[in-house]
Amino acid sequence: MDPRTYGYEEPLEALNVGDLVKVSISHWDSPPTICLGVVVQTVSNSKNKTLFPSVRVYNLETKKITREFIGSLKVVSKIVQ
């Protein structure tokens, strides 16, 4: 486990539709831009694990739906089901 998580974070595969996440958009010539987004679609393939799992996120600042790798996302708020 990463020592910076202090044991509070869930596995990234636990993302649900409606979760609020921080999206980091990388640029080659400047620091990354941090935006907020809402998860709109998850990959629900329980039999196979993918090498680079991703979700579709509606970015609240650019107002576009993009596919983001879950390793680059940080959960801000979760939907309780």
N, C-alpha and C. Protein backbone atom coordinates (compact mmCIF):
# COMPACT_ATOMS: atom_id res chain seq x y z
N MET A 1 0.85 -1.19 0.00
CA MET A 1 0.00 0.00 0.00
C MET A 1 0.88 1.24 0.00
N ASP A 2 0.47 2.22 -0.71
CA ASP A 2 1.19 3.48 -0.77
C ASP A 2 1.14 4.14 0.61
N PRO A 3 2.28 4.52 1.19
CA PRO A 3 2.27 5.09 2.54
C PRO A 3 1.56 6.44 2.62
N ARG A 4 1.36 7.11 1.48
CA ARG A 4 0.68 8.41 1.50
C ARG A 4 -0.83 8.29 1.63
N THR A 5 -1.39 7.10 1.47
CA THR A 5 -2.84 6.96 1.51
C THR A 5 -3.36 6.83 2.94
N TYR A 6 -2.52 6.47 3.88
CA TYR A 6 -2.90 6.32 5.28
C TYR A 6 -4.02 5.32 5.49
N GLY A 7 -4.23 4.42 4.53
CA GLY A 7 -5.21 3.37 4.67
C GLY A 7 -6.65 3.78 4.48
N TYR A 8 -6.93 5.00 4.03
CA TYR A 8 -8.32 5.48 3.93
C TYR A 8 -8.91 5.31 2.54
N GLU A 9 -8.08 5.16 1.53
CA GLU A 9 -8.60 5.13 0.17
C GLU A 9 -9.03 3.73 -0.22
N GLU A 10 -10.09 3.66 -1.01
CA GLU A 10 -10.59 2.40 -1.53
C GLU A 10 -9.86 2.08 -2.83
N PRO A 11 -9.95 0.83 -3.29
CA PRO A 11 -9.38 0.52 -4.60
C PRO A 11 -10.03 1.37 -5.68
N LEU A 12 -9.26 1.75 -6.68
CA LEU A 12 -9.79 2.62 -7.72
C LEU A 12 -10.88 1.94 -8.54
N GLU A 13 -10.94 0.61 -8.51
CA GLU A 13 -11.99 -0.08 -9.26
C GLU A 13 -13.36 0.13 -8.61
N ALA A 14 -13.41 0.73 -7.43
CA ALA A 14 -14.67 0.95 -6.73
C ALA A 14 -15.38 2.23 -7.18
N LEU A 15 -14.99 2.80 -8.30
CA LEU A 15 -15.67 4.00 -8.80
C LEU A 15 -17.06 3.64 -9.30
N ASN A 16 -18.02 4.50 -9.00
CA ASN A 16 -19.41 4.31 -9.43
C ASN A 16 -19.84 5.50 -10.28
N VAL A 17 -20.89 5.31 -11.05
CA VAL A 17 -21.47 6.40 -11.84
C VAL A 17 -21.99 7.46 -10.87
N GLY A 18 -21.63 8.70 -11.10
CA GLY A 18 -22.06 9.80 -10.25
C GLY A 18 -21.01 10.28 -9.27
N ASP A 19 -19.89 9.58 -9.16
CA ASP A 19 -18.82 10.00 -8.24
C ASP A 19 -18.15 11.26 -8.78
N LEU A 20 -17.81 12.17 -7.88
CA LEU A 20 -17.11 13.40 -8.23
C LEU A 20 -15.61 13.13 -8.12
N VAL A 21 -14.87 13.42 -9.17
CA VAL A 21 -13.44 13.11 -9.20
C VAL A 21 -12.65 14.32 -9.67
N LYS A 22 -11.36 14.35 -9.29
CA LYS A 22 -10.42 15.33 -9.81
C LYS A 22 -9.76 14.73 -11.03
N VAL A 23 -9.74 15.48 -12.11
CA VAL A 23 -9.13 15.05 -13.36
C VAL A 23 -7.89 15.91 -13.59
N SER A 24 -6.77 15.27 -13.88
CA SER A 24 -5.54 15.98 -14.16
C SER A 24 -5.28 15.93 -15.67
N ILE A 25 -5.27 17.10 -16.31
CA ILE A 25 -5.02 17.18 -17.75
C ILE A 25 -3.58 17.63 -17.94
N SER A 26 -2.78 16.78 -18.56
CA SER A 26 -1.35 17.06 -18.74
C SER A 26 -1.10 17.88 -20.00
N HIS A 27 -0.13 18.78 -19.88
CA HIS A 27 0.33 19.59 -21.00
C HIS A 27 1.85 19.44 -21.09
N TRP A 28 2.39 19.45 -22.30
CA TRP A 28 3.83 19.28 -22.46
C TRP A 28 4.61 20.51 -22.00
N ASP A 29 4.07 21.68 -22.21
CA ASP A 29 4.84 22.90 -21.95
C ASP A 29 4.41 23.66 -20.70
N SER A 30 3.50 23.12 -19.90
CA SER A 30 3.05 23.81 -18.69
C SER A 30 2.62 22.79 -17.64
N PRO A 31 2.42 23.22 -16.42
CA PRO A 31 1.98 22.29 -15.38
C PRO A 31 0.60 21.71 -15.69
N PRO A 32 0.27 20.55 -15.13
CA PRO A 32 -1.05 19.96 -15.40
C PRO A 32 -2.19 20.82 -14.86
N THR A 33 -3.30 20.76 -15.54
CA THR A 33 -4.52 21.46 -15.13
C THR A 33 -5.38 20.49 -14.34
N ILE A 34 -5.86 20.92 -13.16
CA ILE A 34 -6.71 20.09 -12.33
C ILE A 34 -8.15 20.57 -12.49
N CYS A 35 -9.04 19.67 -12.89
CA CYS A 35 -10.46 19.99 -13.09
C CYS A 35 -11.30 18.98 -12.30
N LEU A 36 -12.55 19.33 -12.09
CA LEU A 36 -13.50 18.41 -11.47
C LEU A 36 -14.33 17.76 -12.56
N GLY A 37 -14.74 16.52 -12.30
CA GLY A 37 -15.56 15.81 -13.26
C GLY A 37 -16.47 14.82 -12.56
N VAL A 38 -17.46 14.32 -13.30
CA VAL A 38 -18.41 13.34 -12.78
C VAL A 38 -18.29 12.07 -13.61
N VAL A 39 -18.17 10.92 -12.95
CA VAL A 39 -18.09 9.64 -13.66
C VAL A 39 -19.45 9.35 -14.28
N VAL A 40 -19.47 9.13 -15.61
CA VAL A 40 -20.73 8.87 -16.30
C VAL A 40 -20.84 7.44 -16.81
N GLN A 41 -19.72 6.72 -16.91
CA GLN A 41 -19.77 5.33 -17.35
C GLN A 41 -18.54 4.60 -16.81
N THR A 42 -18.78 3.41 -16.29
CA THR A 42 -17.69 2.57 -15.80
C THR A 42 -17.61 1.31 -16.65
N VAL A 43 -16.48 0.65 -16.59
CA VAL A 43 -16.31 -0.61 -17.28
C VAL A 43 -16.74 -1.71 -16.33
N SER A 44 -17.78 -2.45 -16.67
CA SER A 44 -18.31 -3.46 -15.77
C SER A 44 -18.05 -4.86 -16.32
N ASN A 45 -16.80 -5.18 -16.48
CA ASN A 45 -16.42 -6.49 -16.96
C ASN A 45 -15.77 -7.23 -15.79
N SER A 46 -16.56 -8.00 -15.06
CA SER A 46 -16.06 -8.63 -13.85
C SER A 46 -15.18 -9.84 -14.12
N LYS A 47 -15.25 -10.42 -15.31
CA LYS A 47 -14.45 -11.61 -15.61
C LYS A 47 -13.01 -11.28 -15.98
N ASN A 48 -12.82 -10.16 -16.64
CA ASN A 48 -11.48 -9.81 -17.11
C ASN A 48 -11.01 -8.52 -16.46
N LYS A 49 -9.73 -8.48 -16.15
CA LYS A 49 -9.09 -7.25 -15.68
C LYS A 49 -8.35 -6.65 -16.86
N THR A 50 -8.45 -5.35 -17.05
CA THR A 50 -7.73 -4.71 -18.14
C THR A 50 -6.42 -4.15 -17.61
N LEU A 51 -5.46 -4.01 -18.49
CA LEU A 51 -4.15 -3.51 -18.09
C LEU A 51 -4.23 -2.04 -17.68
N PHE A 52 -5.00 -1.26 -18.40
CA PHE A 52 -5.19 0.16 -18.09
C PHE A 52 -6.68 0.44 -17.97
N PRO A 53 -7.29 0.18 -16.79
CA PRO A 53 -8.73 0.41 -16.65
C PRO A 53 -9.06 1.90 -16.77
N SER A 54 -10.20 2.18 -17.37
CA SER A 54 -10.59 3.56 -17.59
C SER A 54 -12.09 3.72 -17.36
N VAL A 55 -12.50 4.97 -17.17
CA VAL A 55 -13.91 5.33 -17.03
C VAL A 55 -14.16 6.55 -17.91
N ARG A 56 -15.43 6.78 -18.23
CA ARG A 56 -15.79 7.99 -18.97
C ARG A 56 -16.23 9.04 -17.96
N VAL A 57 -15.67 10.24 -18.11
CA VAL A 57 -15.87 11.33 -17.14
C VAL A 57 -16.38 12.57 -17.87
N TYR A 58 -17.43 13.19 -17.32
CA TYR A 58 -17.89 14.49 -17.82
C TYR A 58 -17.09 15.56 -17.09
N ASN A 59 -16.25 16.28 -17.81
CA ASN A 59 -15.42 17.33 -17.23
C ASN A 59 -16.28 18.58 -17.05
N LEU A 60 -16.38 19.08 -15.82
CA LEU A 60 -17.25 20.21 -15.53
C LEU A 60 -16.70 21.54 -16.06
N GLU A 61 -15.39 21.62 -16.33
CA GLU A 61 -14.83 22.87 -16.84
C GLU A 61 -14.82 22.93 -18.36
N THR A 62 -14.46 21.83 -19.01
CA THR A 62 -14.43 21.83 -20.48
C THR A 62 -15.78 21.43 -21.08
N LYS A 63 -16.67 20.89 -20.24
CA LYS A 63 -18.00 20.45 -20.66
C LYS A 63 -17.94 19.39 -21.77
N LYS A 64 -16.97 18.48 -21.64
CA LYS A 64 -16.81 17.38 -22.60
C LYS A 64 -16.71 16.07 -21.85
N ILE A 65 -17.14 15.00 -22.50
CA ILE A 65 -17.00 13.66 -21.94
C ILE A 65 -15.72 13.06 -22.50
N THR A 66 -14.83 12.63 -21.59
CA THR A 66 -13.56 12.04 -22.01
C THR A 66 -13.35 10.72 -21.30
N ARG A 67 -12.50 9.88 -21.88
CA ARG A 67 -12.12 8.62 -21.25
C ARG A 67 -10.84 8.88 -20.47
N GLU A 68 -10.89 8.60 -19.16
CA GLU A 68 -9.75 8.84 -18.28
C GLU A 68 -9.31 7.53 -17.65
N PHE A 69 -8.01 7.35 -17.53
CA PHE A 69 -7.49 6.19 -16.82
C PHE A 69 -7.69 6.41 -15.33
N ILE A 70 -8.11 5.36 -14.63
CA ILE A 70 -8.46 5.55 -13.22
C ILE A 70 -7.24 5.83 -12.35
N GLY A 71 -6.06 5.55 -12.84
CA GLY A 71 -4.86 5.87 -12.09
C GLY A 71 -4.59 7.36 -12.00
N SER A 72 -5.17 8.15 -12.91
CA SER A 72 -4.96 9.59 -12.91
C SER A 72 -6.09 10.35 -12.19
N LEU A 73 -7.07 9.63 -11.66
CA LEU A 73 -8.21 10.26 -10.99
C LEU A 73 -8.05 10.22 -9.48
N LYS A 74 -8.61 11.21 -8.82
CA LYS A 74 -8.67 11.26 -7.36
C LYS A 74 -10.12 11.46 -6.98
N VAL A 75 -10.68 10.59 -6.15
CA VAL A 75 -12.09 10.68 -5.76
C VAL A 75 -12.27 11.81 -4.76
N VAL A 76 -13.21 12.72 -5.06
CA VAL A 76 -13.54 13.84 -4.18
C VAL A 76 -14.76 13.48 -3.33
N SER A 77 -15.78 12.93 -3.97
CA SER A 77 -17.02 12.60 -3.29
C SER A 77 -17.63 11.35 -3.94
N LYS A 78 -18.20 10.48 -3.11
CA LYS A 78 -18.79 9.25 -3.62
C LYS A 78 -20.29 9.25 -3.44
N ILE A 79 -20.99 8.57 -4.33
CA ILE A 79 -22.43 8.35 -4.22
C ILE A 79 -22.65 7.16 -3.29
N VAL A 80 -23.50 7.33 -2.29
CA VAL A 80 -23.84 6.23 -1.39
C VAL A 80 -25.02 5.48 -1.95
N GLN A 81 -24.86 4.17 -2.11
CA GLN A 81 -25.95 3.39 -2.70
C GLN A 81 -26.58 2.49 -1.68
